[in-house]
């Protein structure tokens, strides 16, 4: 069964699957790990979906790298 991005628990080790979606569940995870300045933008969403293997931990790290001034 494929990962349910709407309701399954997300951790830093959760792999980004081909059916990844920017859901409220993902947004909550990202806000928790990146702080209240977190937001999705088109270049970042394109990076998430670039077909390179990654986890949600990698996604958090990349957002923080791109937004060093927004870290909690």
N, C-alpha and C. Protein backbone atom coordinates (compact mmCIF):
# COMPACT_ATOMS: atom_id res chain seq x y z
N UNK A 1 0.85 -1.18 0.00
CA UNK A 1 0.00 0.00 0.00
C UNK A 1 0.89 1.25 0.00
N UNK A 2 0.50 2.24 -0.78
CA UNK A 2 1.26 3.48 -0.89
C UNK A 2 1.05 4.33 0.36
N UNK A 3 2.01 5.18 0.63
CA UNK A 3 1.95 6.08 1.78
C UNK A 3 0.81 7.06 1.61
N UNK A 4 0.03 7.29 2.68
CA UNK A 4 -1.06 8.27 2.64
C UNK A 4 -0.53 9.59 3.20
N UNK A 5 -0.27 10.55 2.31
CA UNK A 5 0.30 11.83 2.71
C UNK A 5 -0.67 12.66 3.53
N UNK A 6 -1.94 12.31 3.51
CA UNK A 6 -2.94 13.06 4.27
C UNK A 6 -2.98 12.63 5.74
N UNK A 7 -2.69 11.35 6.03
CA UNK A 7 -2.94 10.89 7.39
C UNK A 7 -1.85 10.01 8.01
N UNK A 8 -0.96 9.43 7.21
CA UNK A 8 0.06 8.57 7.81
C UNK A 8 1.07 9.42 8.60
N UNK A 9 1.62 8.86 9.67
CA UNK A 9 2.62 9.59 10.45
C UNK A 9 3.86 9.88 9.61
N UNK A 10 4.40 11.08 9.75
CA UNK A 10 5.57 11.50 9.01
C UNK A 10 6.74 11.66 9.98
N UNK A 11 7.91 11.15 9.58
CA UNK A 11 9.14 11.34 10.34
C UNK A 11 10.21 11.85 9.38
N UNK A 12 11.35 12.20 9.92
CA UNK A 12 12.45 12.63 9.05
C UNK A 12 12.89 11.52 8.11
N UNK A 13 12.64 10.27 8.45
CA UNK A 13 13.06 9.16 7.59
C UNK A 13 11.99 8.74 6.58
N UNK A 14 10.86 9.41 6.57
CA UNK A 14 9.80 9.09 5.60
C UNK A 14 10.31 9.39 4.18
N UNK A 15 10.31 8.39 3.29
CA UNK A 15 10.77 8.65 1.93
C UNK A 15 9.74 9.45 1.13
N UNK A 16 10.24 10.33 0.27
CA UNK A 16 9.37 11.04 -0.66
C UNK A 16 9.07 10.06 -1.79
N UNK A 17 7.81 9.70 -1.92
CA UNK A 17 7.39 8.72 -2.92
C UNK A 17 6.95 9.42 -4.21
N UNK A 18 6.81 8.66 -5.30
CA UNK A 18 6.32 9.27 -6.54
C UNK A 18 4.93 9.91 -6.40
N UNK A 19 4.17 9.49 -5.41
CA UNK A 19 2.83 10.05 -5.20
C UNK A 19 2.81 11.10 -4.08
N UNK A 20 3.97 11.68 -3.79
CA UNK A 20 4.07 12.72 -2.78
C UNK A 20 3.09 13.85 -3.06
N UNK A 21 2.48 14.38 -1.99
CA UNK A 21 1.58 15.53 -2.09
C UNK A 21 1.90 16.52 -0.98
N UNK A 22 1.77 17.81 -1.29
CA UNK A 22 1.93 18.86 -0.28
C UNK A 22 0.62 18.98 0.49
N UNK A 23 0.43 18.13 1.49
CA UNK A 23 -0.81 18.09 2.25
C UNK A 23 -0.68 18.89 3.54
N UNK A 24 -1.79 19.06 4.24
CA UNK A 24 -1.74 19.71 5.55
C UNK A 24 -0.88 18.90 6.52
N UNK A 25 -0.88 17.58 6.37
CA UNK A 25 -0.04 16.72 7.20
C UNK A 25 1.44 17.06 6.97
N UNK A 26 1.85 17.20 5.72
CA UNK A 26 3.23 17.56 5.40
C UNK A 26 3.52 18.98 5.90
N UNK A 27 2.60 19.90 5.64
CA UNK A 27 2.79 21.29 6.08
C UNK A 27 3.00 21.36 7.60
N UNK A 28 2.21 20.60 8.37
CA UNK A 28 2.37 20.57 9.82
C UNK A 28 3.73 20.04 10.23
N UNK A 29 4.18 18.99 9.56
CA UNK A 29 5.51 18.43 9.83
C UNK A 29 6.58 19.47 9.54
N UNK A 30 6.46 20.14 8.40
CA UNK A 30 7.47 21.13 8.01
C UNK A 30 7.46 22.32 8.98
N UNK A 31 6.30 22.78 9.39
CA UNK A 31 6.22 23.88 10.35
C UNK A 31 6.87 23.49 11.67
N UNK A 32 6.65 22.24 12.09
CA UNK A 32 7.24 21.76 13.35
C UNK A 32 8.77 21.78 13.27
N UNK A 33 9.32 21.40 12.12
CA UNK A 33 10.77 21.27 11.99
C UNK A 33 11.47 22.52 11.45
N UNK A 34 10.73 23.38 10.76
CA UNK A 34 11.34 24.57 10.15
C UNK A 34 10.91 25.87 10.80
N UNK A 35 9.85 25.83 11.60
CA UNK A 35 9.38 27.03 12.27
C UNK A 35 8.28 27.74 11.51
N UNK A 36 7.75 28.80 12.10
CA UNK A 36 6.58 29.48 11.54
C UNK A 36 6.85 30.20 10.22
N UNK A 37 8.12 30.37 9.84
CA UNK A 37 8.44 31.00 8.56
C UNK A 37 8.34 30.06 7.37
N UNK A 38 8.04 28.77 7.65
CA UNK A 38 7.99 27.81 6.55
C UNK A 38 6.87 28.14 5.58
N UNK A 39 7.19 27.99 4.29
CA UNK A 39 6.16 28.04 3.24
C UNK A 39 6.72 27.31 2.03
N UNK A 40 5.79 26.76 1.24
CA UNK A 40 6.17 26.13 -0.02
C UNK A 40 6.26 27.22 -1.08
N UNK A 41 7.24 27.12 -1.96
CA UNK A 41 7.26 27.97 -3.15
C UNK A 41 7.55 27.05 -4.35
N UNK A 42 7.34 27.56 -5.53
CA UNK A 42 7.45 26.71 -6.72
C UNK A 42 8.83 26.08 -6.90
N UNK A 43 9.92 26.83 -6.77
CA UNK A 43 11.23 26.18 -6.93
C UNK A 43 11.47 25.06 -5.90
N UNK A 44 11.03 25.29 -4.66
CA UNK A 44 11.20 24.28 -3.62
C UNK A 44 10.34 23.06 -3.92
N UNK A 45 9.10 23.27 -4.34
CA UNK A 45 8.23 22.14 -4.68
C UNK A 45 8.81 21.36 -5.86
N UNK A 46 9.40 22.06 -6.84
CA UNK A 46 10.03 21.37 -7.98
C UNK A 46 11.21 20.53 -7.50
N UNK A 47 11.98 21.07 -6.54
CA UNK A 47 13.11 20.31 -6.00
C UNK A 47 12.61 19.04 -5.30
N UNK A 48 11.53 19.15 -4.53
CA UNK A 48 10.99 17.98 -3.83
C UNK A 48 10.62 16.89 -4.83
N UNK A 49 10.04 17.27 -5.96
CA UNK A 49 9.54 16.32 -6.94
C UNK A 49 10.52 16.06 -8.09
N UNK A 50 11.82 16.27 -7.90
CA UNK A 50 12.77 16.15 -9.00
C UNK A 50 13.22 14.72 -9.30
N UNK A 51 12.55 13.74 -8.75
CA UNK A 51 12.84 12.32 -8.99
C UNK A 51 14.16 11.84 -8.40
N UNK A 52 14.81 12.65 -7.58
CA UNK A 52 16.00 12.20 -6.86
C UNK A 52 15.54 11.62 -5.52
N UNK A 53 16.06 10.45 -5.12
CA UNK A 53 15.65 9.87 -3.84
C UNK A 53 15.94 10.82 -2.69
N UNK A 54 14.95 10.96 -1.80
CA UNK A 54 15.13 11.82 -0.63
C UNK A 54 14.10 11.43 0.43
N UNK A 55 14.36 11.89 1.64
CA UNK A 55 13.43 11.69 2.75
C UNK A 55 12.87 13.05 3.16
N UNK A 56 11.89 13.03 4.05
CA UNK A 56 11.38 14.30 4.56
C UNK A 56 12.44 15.01 5.39
N UNK A 57 13.38 14.29 5.96
CA UNK A 57 14.51 14.93 6.64
C UNK A 57 15.36 15.73 5.65
N UNK A 58 15.58 15.16 4.47
CA UNK A 58 16.30 15.89 3.43
C UNK A 58 15.54 17.14 3.01
N UNK A 59 14.22 17.03 2.94
CA UNK A 59 13.38 18.17 2.56
C UNK A 59 13.50 19.27 3.61
N UNK A 60 13.44 18.91 4.89
CA UNK A 60 13.61 19.89 5.97
C UNK A 60 14.98 20.55 5.85
N UNK A 61 16.02 19.74 5.68
CA UNK A 61 17.38 20.28 5.60
C UNK A 61 17.54 21.23 4.42
N UNK A 62 16.96 20.87 3.29
CA UNK A 62 17.06 21.73 2.10
C UNK A 62 16.31 23.04 2.31
N UNK A 63 15.12 22.98 2.92
CA UNK A 63 14.39 24.23 3.16
C UNK A 63 15.19 25.13 4.10
N UNK A 64 15.76 24.53 5.14
CA UNK A 64 16.56 25.31 6.08
C UNK A 64 17.79 25.90 5.40
N UNK A 65 18.40 25.14 4.51
CA UNK A 65 19.57 25.65 3.78
C UNK A 65 19.17 26.87 2.93
N UNK A 66 18.02 26.77 2.27
CA UNK A 66 17.55 27.85 1.40
C UNK A 66 17.06 29.06 2.20
N UNK A 67 16.71 28.85 3.44
CA UNK A 67 16.10 29.90 4.26
C UNK A 67 16.81 30.05 5.59
N UNK A 68 18.11 30.15 5.57
CA UNK A 68 18.89 30.18 6.81
C UNK A 68 18.43 31.24 7.79
N UNK A 69 17.90 32.35 7.30
CA UNK A 69 17.42 33.42 8.19
C UNK A 69 16.10 33.09 8.84
N UNK A 70 15.40 32.01 8.40
CA UNK A 70 14.07 31.68 8.92
C UNK A 70 14.09 30.53 9.92
N UNK A 71 15.25 30.05 10.28
CA UNK A 71 15.32 28.92 11.22
C UNK A 71 14.78 29.30 12.58
N UNK A 72 14.13 28.31 13.26
CA UNK A 72 13.61 28.59 14.61
C UNK A 72 14.72 28.81 15.61
